[in-house]
């Protein structure tokens, strides 16, 4: 875990890409989106917003590092600490997002 705190942009990109491609929960979500598109006879183009939004969320730490450079060394640990201390807030926001998505599909 210590290596993550001093990650280079290249290492962060590779790790983020691997996590994006091989996390079981992400794979299940991706298959669910695909199955929903197939069930509703929708074009694959309808998945583009999902893919872009997911890629954006995965890339946020890398984007912060690239945009802020060495200043990110001070900011990213504070963000990680806040996320750890307030993980329940993040979880509630994700649940709210899924509720809104579900209600909009009714």
PDB file of N, CA and C in Angstrom:
ATOM      1  N   UNK A   1       0.817  -1.198   0.000  1.00  0.00           N
ATOM      2  CA  UNK A   1       0.000   0.000   0.000  1.00  0.00           C
ATOM      3  C   UNK A   1       0.860   1.260   0.000  1.00  0.00           C
ATOM      4  N   UNK A   2       2.061   1.169   0.561  1.00  0.00           N
ATOM      5  CA  UNK A   2       2.942   2.331   0.583  1.00  0.00           C
ATOM      6  C   UNK A   2       3.331   2.788  -0.808  1.00  0.00           C
ATOM      7  N   UNK A   3       3.443   1.838  -1.742  1.00  0.00           N
ATOM      8  CA  UNK A   3       3.814   2.187  -3.104  1.00  0.00           C
ATOM      9  C   UNK A   3       2.717   3.029  -3.770  1.00  0.00           C
ATOM     10  N   UNK A   4       1.489   2.832  -3.369  1.00  0.00           N
ATOM     11  CA  UNK A   4       0.389   3.612  -3.940  1.00  0.00           C
ATOM     12  C   UNK A   4       0.486   5.087  -3.567  1.00  0.00           C
ATOM     13  N   UNK A   5       1.063   5.376  -2.410  1.00  0.00           N
ATOM     14  CA  UNK A   5       1.169   6.768  -1.974  1.00  0.00           C
ATOM     15  C   UNK A   5       2.223   7.536  -2.761  1.00  0.00           C
ATOM     16  N   UNK A   6       3.170   6.814  -3.362  1.00  0.00           N
ATOM     17  CA  UNK A   6       4.225   7.480  -4.141  1.00  0.00           C
ATOM     18  C   UNK A   6       4.189   7.026  -5.592  1.00  0.00           C
ATOM     19  N   UNK A   7       3.017   6.708  -6.079  1.00  0.00           N
ATOM     20  CA  UNK A   7       2.865   6.166  -7.432  1.00  0.00           C
ATOM     21  C   UNK A   7       3.185   7.211  -8.490  1.00  0.00           C
ATOM     22  N   UNK A   8       3.858   6.757  -9.524  1.00  0.00           N
ATOM     23  CA  UNK A   8       4.100   7.613 -10.685  1.00  0.00           C
ATOM     24  C   UNK A   8       2.844   7.601 -11.558  1.00  0.00           C
ATOM     25  N   UNK A   9       2.712   8.558 -12.463  1.00  0.00           N
ATOM     26  CA  UNK A   9       1.544   8.540 -13.349  1.00  0.00           C
ATOM     27  C   UNK A   9       1.434   7.241 -14.146  1.00  0.00           C
ATOM     28  N   UNK A  10       2.562   6.698 -14.599  1.00  0.00           N
ATOM     29  CA  UNK A  10       2.534   5.451 -15.372  1.00  0.00           C
ATOM     30  C   UNK A  10       2.020   4.288 -14.519  1.00  0.00           C
ATOM     31  N   UNK A  11       2.530   4.174 -13.287  1.00  0.00           N
ATOM     32  CA  UNK A  11       2.085   3.113 -12.391  1.00  0.00           C
ATOM     33  C   UNK A  11       0.599   3.273 -12.072  1.00  0.00           C
ATOM     34  N   UNK A  12       0.172   4.504 -11.791  1.00  0.00           N
ATOM     35  CA  UNK A  12      -1.234   4.755 -11.468  1.00  0.00           C
ATOM     36  C   UNK A  12      -2.130   4.399 -12.641  1.00  0.00           C
ATOM     37  N   UNK A  13      -1.691   4.740 -13.857  1.00  0.00           N
ATOM     38  CA  UNK A  13      -2.491   4.411 -15.034  1.00  0.00           C
ATOM     39  C   UNK A  13      -2.616   2.901 -15.200  1.00  0.00           C
ATOM     40  N   UNK A  14      -1.493   2.183 -15.088  1.00  0.00           N
ATOM     41  CA  UNK A  14      -1.531   0.718 -15.245  1.00  0.00           C
ATOM     42  C   UNK A  14      -2.401   0.076 -14.173  1.00  0.00           C
ATOM     43  N   UNK A  15      -2.246   0.508 -12.934  1.00  0.00           N
ATOM     44  CA  UNK A  15      -3.055  -0.057 -11.858  1.00  0.00           C
ATOM     45  C   UNK A  15      -4.534   0.247 -12.061  1.00  0.00           C
ATOM     46  N   UNK A  16      -4.837   1.489 -12.425  1.00  0.00           N
ATOM     47  CA  UNK A  16      -6.232   1.849 -12.685  1.00  0.00           C
ATOM     48  C   UNK A  16      -6.828   1.061 -13.823  1.00  0.00           C
ATOM     49  N   UNK A  17      -6.061   0.854 -14.879  1.00  0.00           N
ATOM     50  CA  UNK A  17      -6.535   0.067 -16.019  1.00  0.00           C
ATOM     51  C   UNK A  17      -6.789  -1.376 -15.614  1.00  0.00           C
ATOM     52  N   UNK A  18      -5.867  -1.966 -14.861  1.00  0.00           N
ATOM     53  CA  UNK A  18      -6.061  -3.347 -14.403  1.00  0.00           C
ATOM     54  C   UNK A  18      -7.279  -3.465 -13.497  1.00  0.00           C
ATOM     55  N   UNK A  19      -7.440  -2.514 -12.581  1.00  0.00           N
ATOM     56  CA  UNK A  19      -8.611  -2.545 -11.704  1.00  0.00           C
ATOM     57  C   UNK A  19      -9.894  -2.375 -12.499  1.00  0.00           C
ATOM     58  N   UNK A  20      -9.847  -1.507 -13.492  1.00  0.00           N
ATOM     59  CA  UNK A  20     -11.020  -1.267 -14.342  1.00  0.00           C
ATOM     60  C   UNK A  20     -11.393  -2.522 -15.125  1.00  0.00           C
ATOM     61  N   UNK A  21     -10.391  -3.248 -15.601  1.00  0.00           N
ATOM     62  CA  UNK A  21     -10.657  -4.401 -16.461  1.00  0.00           C
ATOM     63  C   UNK A  21     -10.999  -5.671 -15.696  1.00  0.00           C
ATOM     64  N   UNK A  22     -10.483  -5.833 -14.470  1.00  0.00           N
ATOM     65  CA  UNK A  22     -10.574  -7.135 -13.828  1.00  0.00           C
ATOM     66  C   UNK A  22     -11.260  -7.158 -12.468  1.00  0.00           C
ATOM     67  N   UNK A  23     -11.880  -6.090 -12.046  1.00  0.00           N
ATOM     68  CA  UNK A  23     -12.605  -6.128 -10.774  1.00  0.00           C
ATOM     69  C   UNK A  23     -13.918  -6.879 -10.978  1.00  0.00           C
ATOM     70  N   UNK A  24     -14.171  -7.900 -10.171  1.00  0.00           N
ATOM     71  CA  UNK A  24     -15.394  -8.700 -10.354  1.00  0.00           C
ATOM     72  C   UNK A  24     -16.676  -7.872 -10.291  1.00  0.00           C
ATOM     73  N   UNK A  25     -16.742  -6.917  -9.376  1.00  0.00           N
ATOM     74  CA  UNK A  25     -17.965  -6.115  -9.281  1.00  0.00           C
ATOM     75  C   UNK A  25     -18.157  -5.266 -10.533  1.00  0.00           C
ATOM     76  N   UNK A  26     -17.058  -4.768 -11.078  1.00  0.00           N
ATOM     77  CA  UNK A  26     -17.157  -3.980 -12.309  1.00  0.00           C
ATOM     78  C   UNK A  26     -17.570  -4.858 -13.483  1.00  0.00           C
ATOM     79  N   UNK A  27     -17.046  -6.072 -13.520  1.00  0.00           N
ATOM     80  CA  UNK A  27     -17.427  -6.991 -14.596  1.00  0.00           C
ATOM     81  C   UNK A  27     -18.906  -7.339 -14.513  1.00  0.00           C
ATOM     82  N   UNK A  28     -19.397  -7.588 -13.305  1.00  0.00           N
ATOM     83  CA  UNK A  28     -20.816  -7.906 -13.122  1.00  0.00           C
ATOM     84  C   UNK A  28     -21.677  -6.724 -13.565  1.00  0.00           C
ATOM     85  N   UNK A  29     -21.257  -5.518 -13.184  1.00  0.00           N
ATOM     86  CA  UNK A  29     -22.000  -4.322 -13.585  1.00  0.00           C
ATOM     87  C   UNK A  29     -21.999  -4.166 -15.098  1.00  0.00           C
ATOM     88  N   UNK A  30     -20.855  -4.407 -15.714  1.00  0.00           N
ATOM     89  CA  UNK A  30     -20.752  -4.296 -17.165  1.00  0.00           C
ATOM     90  C   UNK A  30     -21.657  -5.305 -17.854  1.00  0.00           C
ATOM     91  N   UNK A  31     -21.658  -6.534 -17.376  1.00  0.00           N
ATOM     92  CA  UNK A  31     -22.533  -7.550 -17.963  1.00  0.00           C
ATOM     93  C   UNK A  31     -24.000  -7.211 -17.745  1.00  0.00           C
ATOM     94  N   UNK A  32     -24.315  -6.617 -16.594  1.00  0.00           N
ATOM     95  CA  UNK A  32     -25.694  -6.203 -16.332  1.00  0.00           C
ATOM     96  C   UNK A  32     -26.134  -5.123 -17.302  1.00  0.00           C
ATOM     97  N   UNK A  33     -25.262  -4.158 -17.547  1.00  0.00           N
ATOM     98  CA  UNK A  33     -25.592  -3.106 -18.512  1.00  0.00           C
ATOM     99  C   UNK A  33     -25.789  -3.728 -19.893  1.00  0.00           C
ATOM    100  N   UNK A  34     -24.897  -4.627 -20.283  1.00  0.00           N
ATOM    101  CA  UNK A  34     -25.032  -5.301 -21.581  1.00  0.00           C
ATOM    102  C   UNK A  34     -26.315  -6.100 -21.686  1.00  0.00           C
ATOM    103  N   UNK A  35     -26.652  -6.821 -20.620  1.00  0.00           N
ATOM    104  CA  UNK A  35     -27.889  -7.604 -20.632  1.00  0.00           C
ATOM    105  C   UNK A  35     -29.115  -6.707 -20.710  1.00  0.00           C
ATOM    106  N   UNK A  36     -29.074  -5.578 -20.014  1.00  0.00           N
ATOM    107  CA  UNK A  36     -30.195  -4.635 -20.068  1.00  0.00           C
ATOM    108  C   UNK A  36     -30.349  -4.069 -21.468  1.00  0.00           C
ATOM    109  N   UNK A  37     -29.226  -3.729 -22.109  1.00  0.00           N
ATOM    110  CA  UNK A  37     -29.289  -3.229 -23.476  1.00  0.00           C
ATOM    111  C   UNK A  37     -29.855  -4.292 -24.418  1.00  0.00           C
ATOM    112  N   UNK A  38     -29.415  -5.536 -24.245  1.00  0.00           N
ATOM    113  CA  UNK A  38     -29.900  -6.614 -25.105  1.00  0.00           C
ATOM    114  C   UNK A  38     -31.387  -6.881 -24.871  1.00  0.00           C
ATOM    115  N   UNK A  39     -31.809  -6.890 -23.607  1.00  0.00           N
ATOM    116  CA  UNK A  39     -33.208  -7.156 -23.282  1.00  0.00           C
ATOM    117  C   UNK A  39     -34.125  -6.093 -23.867  1.00  0.00           C
ATOM    118  N   UNK A  40     -33.647  -4.850 -23.880  1.00  0.00           N
ATOM    119  CA  UNK A  40     -34.461  -3.747 -24.396  1.00  0.00           C
ATOM    120  C   UNK A  40     -34.209  -3.466 -25.869  1.00  0.00           C
ATOM    121  N   UNK A  41     -33.434  -4.332 -26.516  1.00  0.00           N
ATOM    122  CA  UNK A  41     -33.090  -4.177 -27.939  1.00  0.00           C
ATOM    123  C   UNK A  41     -32.506  -2.804 -28.247  1.00  0.00           C
ATOM    124  N   UNK A  42     -31.649  -2.332 -27.364  1.00  0.00           N
ATOM    125  CA  UNK A  42     -31.004  -1.034 -27.540  1.00  0.00           C
ATOM    126  C   UNK A  42     -29.667  -1.212 -28.246  1.00  0.00           C
ATOM    127  N   UNK A  43     -29.237  -0.174 -28.891  1.00  0.00           N
ATOM    128  CA  UNK A  43     -27.948  -0.170 -29.567  1.00  0.00           C
ATOM    129  C   UNK A  43     -26.815  -0.123 -28.539  1.00  0.00           C
ATOM    130  N   UNK A  44     -25.664  -0.612 -28.933  1.00  0.00           N
ATOM    131  CA  UNK A  44     -24.490  -0.546 -28.074  1.00  0.00           C
ATOM    132  C   UNK A  44     -24.096   0.903 -27.792  1.00  0.00           C
ATOM    133  N   UNK A  45     -24.532   1.813 -28.629  1.00  0.00           N
ATOM    134  CA  UNK A  45     -24.236   3.232 -28.425  1.00  0.00           C
ATOM    135  C   UNK A  45     -24.826   3.760 -27.120  1.00  0.00           C
ATOM    136  N   UNK A  46     -25.883   3.124 -26.641  1.00  0.00           N
ATOM    137  CA  UNK A  46     -26.495   3.545 -25.382  1.00  0.00           C
ATOM    138  C   UNK A  46     -25.575   3.272 -24.193  1.00  0.00           C
ATOM    139  N   UNK A  47     -24.574   2.407 -24.369  1.00  0.00           N
ATOM    140  CA  UNK A  47     -23.642   2.092 -23.288  1.00  0.00           C
ATOM    141  C   UNK A  47     -22.506   3.105 -23.190  1.00  0.00           C
ATOM    142  N   UNK A  48     -22.349   3.946 -24.187  1.00  0.00           N
ATOM    143  CA  UNK A  48     -21.234   4.899 -24.192  1.00  0.00           C
ATOM    144  C   UNK A  48     -21.238   5.799 -22.953  1.00  0.00           C
ATOM    145  N   UNK A  49     -22.369   6.374 -22.539  1.00  0.00           N
ATOM    146  CA  UNK A  49     -22.328   7.195 -21.311  1.00  0.00           C
ATOM    147  C   UNK A  49     -21.874   6.400 -20.090  1.00  0.00           C
ATOM    148  N   UNK A  50     -22.315   5.155 -19.969  1.00  0.00           N
ATOM    149  CA  UNK A  50     -21.897   4.299 -18.852  1.00  0.00           C
ATOM    150  C   UNK A  50     -20.389   4.083 -18.885  1.00  0.00           C
ATOM    151  N   UNK A  51     -19.851   3.765 -20.043  1.00  0.00           N
ATOM    152  CA  UNK A  51     -18.414   3.507 -20.178  1.00  0.00           C
ATOM    153  C   UNK A  51     -17.614   4.770 -19.872  1.00  0.00           C
ATOM    154  N   UNK A  52     -18.036   5.895 -20.408  1.00  0.00           N
ATOM    155  CA  UNK A  52     -17.313   7.149 -20.184  1.00  0.00           C
ATOM    156  C   UNK A  52     -17.360   7.568 -18.715  1.00  0.00           C
ATOM    157  N   UNK A  53     -18.517   7.441 -18.100  1.00  0.00           N
ATOM    158  CA  UNK A  53     -18.637   7.817 -16.689  1.00  0.00           C
ATOM    159  C   UNK A  53     -17.791   6.905 -15.809  1.00  0.00           C
ATOM    160  N   UNK A  54     -17.816   5.615 -16.089  1.00  0.00           N
ATOM    161  CA  UNK A  54     -17.010   4.672 -15.320  1.00  0.00           C
ATOM    162  C   UNK A  54     -15.523   4.957 -15.498  1.00  0.00           C
ATOM    163  N   UNK A  55     -15.102   5.183 -16.717  1.00  0.00           N
ATOM    164  CA  UNK A  55     -13.693   5.497 -16.980  1.00  0.00           C
ATOM    165  C   UNK A  55     -13.284   6.793 -16.283  1.00  0.00           C
ATOM    166  N   UNK A  56     -14.177   7.769 -16.259  1.00  0.00           N
ATOM    167  CA  UNK A  56     -13.877   9.025 -15.581  1.00  0.00           C
ATOM    168  C   UNK A  56     -13.659   8.815 -14.085  1.00  0.00           C
ATOM    169  N   UNK A  57     -14.555   8.050 -13.447  1.00  0.00           N
ATOM    170  CA  UNK A  57     -14.410   7.813 -12.015  1.00  0.00           C
ATOM    171  C   UNK A  57     -13.116   7.069 -11.695  1.00  0.00           C
ATOM    172  N   UNK A  58     -12.767   6.109 -12.527  1.00  0.00           N
ATOM    173  CA  UNK A  58     -11.531   5.360 -12.310  1.00  0.00           C
ATOM    174  C   UNK A  58     -10.319   6.269 -12.506  1.00  0.00           C
ATOM    175  N   UNK A  59     -10.417   7.206 -13.411  1.00  0.00           N
ATOM    176  CA  UNK A  59      -9.275   8.058 -13.766  1.00  0.00           C
ATOM    177  C   UNK A  59      -9.125   9.294 -12.882  1.00  0.00           C
ATOM    178  N   UNK A  60     -10.037   9.548 -11.970  1.00  0.00           N
ATOM    179  CA  UNK A  60      -9.974  10.775 -11.168  1.00  0.00           C
ATOM    180  C   UNK A  60      -8.627  10.942 -10.459  1.00  0.00           C
ATOM    181  N   UNK A  61      -8.109   9.937  -9.739  1.00  0.00           N
ATOM    182  CA  UNK A  61      -6.804  10.148  -9.096  1.00  0.00           C
ATOM    183  C   UNK A  61      -5.687  10.456 -10.097  1.00  0.00           C
ATOM    184  N   UNK A  62      -5.689   9.770 -11.217  1.00  0.00           N
ATOM    185  CA  UNK A  62      -4.674  10.040 -12.233  1.00  0.00           C
ATOM    186  C   UNK A  62      -4.829  11.444 -12.801  1.00  0.00           C
ATOM    187  N   UNK A  63      -6.046  11.853 -13.057  1.00  0.00           N
ATOM    188  CA  UNK A  63      -6.278  13.199 -13.577  1.00  0.00           C
ATOM    189  C   UNK A  63      -5.814  14.273 -12.588  1.00  0.00           C
ATOM    190  N   UNK A  64      -6.090  14.046 -11.309  1.00  0.00           N
ATOM    191  CA  UNK A  64      -5.631  14.987 -10.284  1.00  0.00           C
ATOM    192  C   UNK A  64      -4.106  15.049 -10.297  1.00  0.00           C
ATOM    193  N   UNK A  65      -3.467  13.893 -10.381  1.00  0.00           N
ATOM    194  CA  UNK A  65      -2.009  13.849 -10.402  1.00  0.00           C
ATOM    195  C   UNK A  65      -1.450  14.560 -11.631  1.00  0.00           C
ATOM    196  N   UNK A  66      -2.059  14.331 -12.782  1.00  0.00           N
ATOM    197  CA  UNK A  66      -1.573  14.969 -13.999  1.00  0.00           C
ATOM    198  C   UNK A  66      -1.834  16.470 -14.016  1.00  0.00           C
ATOM    199  N   UNK A  67      -2.965  16.886 -13.487  1.00  0.00           N
ATOM    200  CA  UNK A  67      -3.306  18.311 -13.497  1.00  0.00           C
ATOM    201  C   UNK A  67      -2.541  19.116 -12.454  1.00  0.00           C
ATOM    202  N   UNK A  68      -2.312  18.523 -11.285  1.00  0.00           N
ATOM    203  CA  UNK A  68      -1.700  19.274 -10.195  1.00  0.00           C
ATOM    204  C   UNK A  68      -0.214  18.993 -10.007  1.00  0.00           C
ATOM    205  N   UNK A  69       0.292  17.955 -10.641  1.00  0.00           N
ATOM    206  CA  UNK A  69       1.710  17.632 -10.516  1.00  0.00           C
ATOM    207  C   UNK A  69       2.092  17.318  -9.085  1.00  0.00           C
ATOM    208  N   UNK A  70       3.162  17.949  -8.620  1.00  0.00           N
ATOM    209  CA  UNK A  70       3.666  17.675  -7.266  1.00  0.00           C
ATOM    210  C   UNK A  70       2.734  18.185  -6.174  1.00  0.00           C
ATOM    211  N   UNK A  71       1.881  19.142  -6.504  1.00  0.00           N
ATOM    212  CA  UNK A  71       0.906  19.616  -5.507  1.00  0.00           C
ATOM    213  C   UNK A  71      -0.078  18.514  -5.142  1.00  0.00           C
ATOM    214  N   UNK A  72      -0.265  17.542  -6.039  1.00  0.00           N
ATOM    215  CA  UNK A  72      -1.169  16.418  -5.762  1.00  0.00           C
ATOM    216  C   UNK A  72      -0.640  15.539  -4.642  1.00  0.00           C
ATOM    217  N   UNK A  73       0.681  15.582  -4.401  1.00  0.00           N
ATOM    218  CA  UNK A  73       1.261  14.783  -3.317  1.00  0.00           C
ATOM    219  C   UNK A  73       0.679  15.164  -1.961  1.00  0.00           C
ATOM    220  N   UNK A  74       0.266  16.398  -1.818  1.00  0.00           N
ATOM    221  CA  UNK A  74      -0.335  16.842  -0.559  1.00  0.00           C
ATOM    222  C   UNK A  74      -1.845  16.648  -0.560  1.00  0.00           C
ATOM    223  N   UNK A  75      -2.462  16.746  -1.719  1.00  0.00           N
ATOM    224  CA  UNK A  75      -3.924  16.705  -1.807  1.00  0.00           C
ATOM    225  C   UNK A  75      -4.470  15.275  -1.801  1.00  0.00           C
ATOM    226  N   UNK A  76      -3.855  14.381  -2.572  1.00  0.00           N
ATOM    227  CA  UNK A  76      -4.392  13.021  -2.699  1.00  0.00           C
ATOM    228  C   UNK A  76      -4.464  12.267  -1.367  1.00  0.00           C
ATOM    229  N   UNK A  77      -3.438  12.345  -0.493  1.00  0.00           N
ATOM    230  CA  UNK A  77      -3.595  11.664   0.810  1.00  0.00           C
ATOM    231  C   UNK A  77      -4.752  12.222   1.637  1.00  0.00           C
ATOM    232  N   UNK A  78      -4.993  13.545   1.536  1.00  0.00           N
ATOM    233  CA  UNK A  78      -6.115  14.136   2.271  1.00  0.00           C
ATOM    234  C   UNK A  78      -7.445  13.641   1.716  1.00  0.00           C
ATOM    235  N   UNK A  79      -7.530  13.503   0.400  1.00  0.00           N
ATOM    236  CA  UNK A  79      -8.753  12.980  -0.218  1.00  0.00           C
ATOM    237  C   UNK A  79      -8.969  11.532   0.203  1.00  0.00           C
ATOM    238  N   UNK A  80      -7.892  10.725   0.178  1.00  0.00           N
ATOM    239  CA  UNK A  80      -7.996   9.317   0.591  1.00  0.00           C
ATOM    240  C   UNK A  80      -8.446   9.215   2.037  1.00  0.00           C
ATOM    241  N   UNK A  81      -7.886  10.062   2.899  1.00  0.00           N
ATOM    242  CA  UNK A  81      -8.255  10.042   4.313  1.00  0.00           C
ATOM    243  C   UNK A  81      -9.721  10.422   4.496  1.00  0.00           C
ATOM    244  N   UNK A  82     -10.178  11.461   3.754  1.00  0.00           N
ATOM    245  CA  UNK A  82     -11.577  11.861   3.849  1.00  0.00           C
ATOM    246  C   UNK A  82     -12.484  10.730   3.373  1.00  0.00           C
ATOM    247  N   UNK A  83     -12.093  10.090   2.257  1.00  0.00           N
ATOM    248  CA  UNK A  83     -12.899   8.978   1.729  1.00  0.00           C
ATOM    249  C   UNK A  83     -12.969   7.833   2.736  1.00  0.00           C
ATOM    250  N   UNK A  84     -11.855   7.553   3.407  1.00  0.00           N
ATOM    251  CA  UNK A  84     -11.850   6.482   4.409  1.00  0.00           C
ATOM    252  C   UNK A  84     -12.731   6.840   5.601  1.00  0.00           C
ATOM    253  N   UNK A  85     -12.616   8.079   6.052  1.00  0.00           N
ATOM    254  CA  UNK A  85     -13.405   8.503   7.215  1.00  0.00           C
ATOM    255  C   UNK A  85     -14.886   8.647   6.893  1.00  0.00           C
ATOM    256  N   UNK A  86     -15.203   8.948   5.651  1.00  0.00           N
ATOM    257  CA  UNK A  86     -16.595   9.214   5.257  1.00  0.00           C
ATOM    258  C   UNK A  86     -17.078   8.241   4.188  1.00  0.00           C
ATOM    259  N   UNK A  87     -16.620   7.009   4.258  1.00  0.00           N
ATOM    260  CA  UNK A  87     -17.012   6.038   3.233  1.00  0.00           C
ATOM    261  C   UNK A  87     -18.524   5.827   3.206  1.00  0.00           C
ATOM    262  N   UNK A  88     -19.165   6.016   4.336  1.00  0.00           N
ATOM    263  CA  UNK A  88     -20.614   5.854   4.367  1.00  0.00           C
ATOM    264  C   UNK A  88     -21.299   6.897   3.482  1.00  0.00           C
ATOM    265  N   UNK A  89     -20.730   8.109   3.397  1.00  0.00           N
ATOM    266  CA  UNK A  89     -21.308   9.157   2.547  1.00  0.00           C
ATOM    267  C   UNK A  89     -21.209   8.735   1.085  1.00  0.00           C
ATOM    268  N   UNK A  90     -20.046   8.226   0.713  1.00  0.00           N
ATOM    269  CA  UNK A  90     -19.841   7.768  -0.656  1.00  0.00           C
ATOM    270  C   UNK A  90     -20.808   6.624  -0.975  1.00  0.00           C
ATOM    271  N   UNK A  91     -20.955   5.685  -0.045  1.00  0.00           N
ATOM    272  CA  UNK A  91     -21.881   4.565  -0.256  1.00  0.00           C
ATOM    273  C   UNK A  91     -23.313   5.051  -0.422  1.00  0.00           C
ATOM    274  N   UNK A  92     -23.722   5.992   0.399  1.00  0.00           N
ATOM    275  CA  UNK A  92     -25.083   6.528   0.307  1.00  0.00           C
ATOM    276  C   UNK A  92     -25.301   7.245  -1.027  1.00  0.00           C
ATOM    277  N   UNK A  93     -24.292   7.972  -1.505  1.00  0.00           N
ATOM    278  CA  UNK A  93     -24.415   8.649  -2.796  1.00  0.00           C
ATOM    279  C   UNK A  93     -24.541   7.641  -3.937  1.00  0.00           C
ATOM    280  N   UNK A  94     -23.800   6.549  -3.853  1.00  0.00           N
ATOM    281  CA  UNK A  94     -23.902   5.514  -4.883  1.00  0.00           C
ATOM    282  C   UNK A  94     -25.282   4.866  -4.844  1.00  0.00           C
ATOM    283  N   UNK A  95     -25.780   4.576  -3.655  1.00  0.00           N
ATOM    284  CA  UNK A  95     -27.125   4.002  -3.533  1.00  0.00           C
ATOM    285  C   UNK A  95     -28.162   4.971  -4.094  1.00  0.00           C
ATOM    286  N   UNK A  96     -28.035   6.254  -3.783  1.00  0.00           N
ATOM    287  CA  UNK A  96     -28.955   7.256  -4.314  1.00  0.00           C
ATOM    288  C   UNK A  96     -28.899   7.303  -5.836  1.00  0.00           C
ATOM    289  N   UNK A  97     -27.699   7.213  -6.391  1.00  0.00           N
ATOM    290  CA  UNK A  97     -27.554   7.187  -7.844  1.00  0.00           C
ATOM    291  C   UNK A  97     -28.302   6.002  -8.444  1.00  0.00           C
ATOM    292  N   UNK A  98     -28.146   4.822  -7.851  1.00  0.00           N
ATOM    293  CA  UNK A  98     -28.838   3.644  -8.364  1.00  0.00           C
ATOM    294  C   UNK A  98     -30.349   3.758  -8.204  1.00  0.00           C
ATOM    295  N   UNK A  99     -30.821   4.363  -7.119  1.00  0.00           N
ATOM    296  CA  UNK A  99     -32.260   4.567  -6.947  1.00  0.00           C
ATOM    297  C   UNK A  99     -32.783   5.502  -8.040  1.00  0.00           C
ATOM    298  N   UNK A 100     -32.056   6.583  -8.304  1.00  0.00           N
ATOM    299  CA  UNK A 100     -32.487   7.518  -9.342  1.00  0.00           C
ATOM    300  C   UNK A 100     -32.496   6.857 -10.724  1.00  0.00           C
ATOM    301  N   UNK A 101     -31.483   6.057 -11.003  1.00  0.00           N
ATOM    302  CA  UNK A 101     -31.431   5.354 -12.282  1.00  0.00           C
ATOM    303  C   UNK A 101     -32.603   4.378 -12.403  1.00  0.00           C
ATOM    304  N   UNK A 102     -32.883   3.662 -11.324  1.00  0.00           N
ATOM    305  CA  UNK A 102     -33.986   2.699 -11.325  1.00  0.00           C
ATOM    306  C   UNK A 102     -35.316   3.406 -11.523  1.00  0.00           C
ATOM    307  N   UNK A 103     -35.526   4.505 -10.805  1.00  0.00           N
ATOM    308  CA  UNK A 103     -36.788   5.234 -10.923  1.00  0.00           C
ATOM    309  C   UNK A 103     -36.957   5.871 -12.305  1.00  0.00           C
ATOM    310  N   UNK A 104     -35.862   6.298 -12.907  1.00  0.00           N
ATOM    311  CA  UNK A 104     -35.978   6.918 -14.230  1.00  0.00           C
ATOM    312  C   UNK A 104     -36.300   5.892 -15.308  1.00  0.00           C
ATOM    313  N   UNK A 105     -36.006   4.617 -15.037  1.00  0.00           N
ATOM    314  CA  UNK A 105     -36.299   3.569 -16.004  1.00  0.00           C
ATOM    315  C   UNK A 105     -37.698   3.015 -15.898  1.00  0.00           C
ATOM    316  N   UNK A 106     -38.475   3.458 -14.916  1.00  0.00           N
ATOM    317  CA  UNK A 106     -39.827   2.919 -14.725  1.00  0.00           C
ATOM    318  C   UNK A 106     -40.811   3.555 -15.641  1.00  0.00           C
TER     319      UNK A 106
END
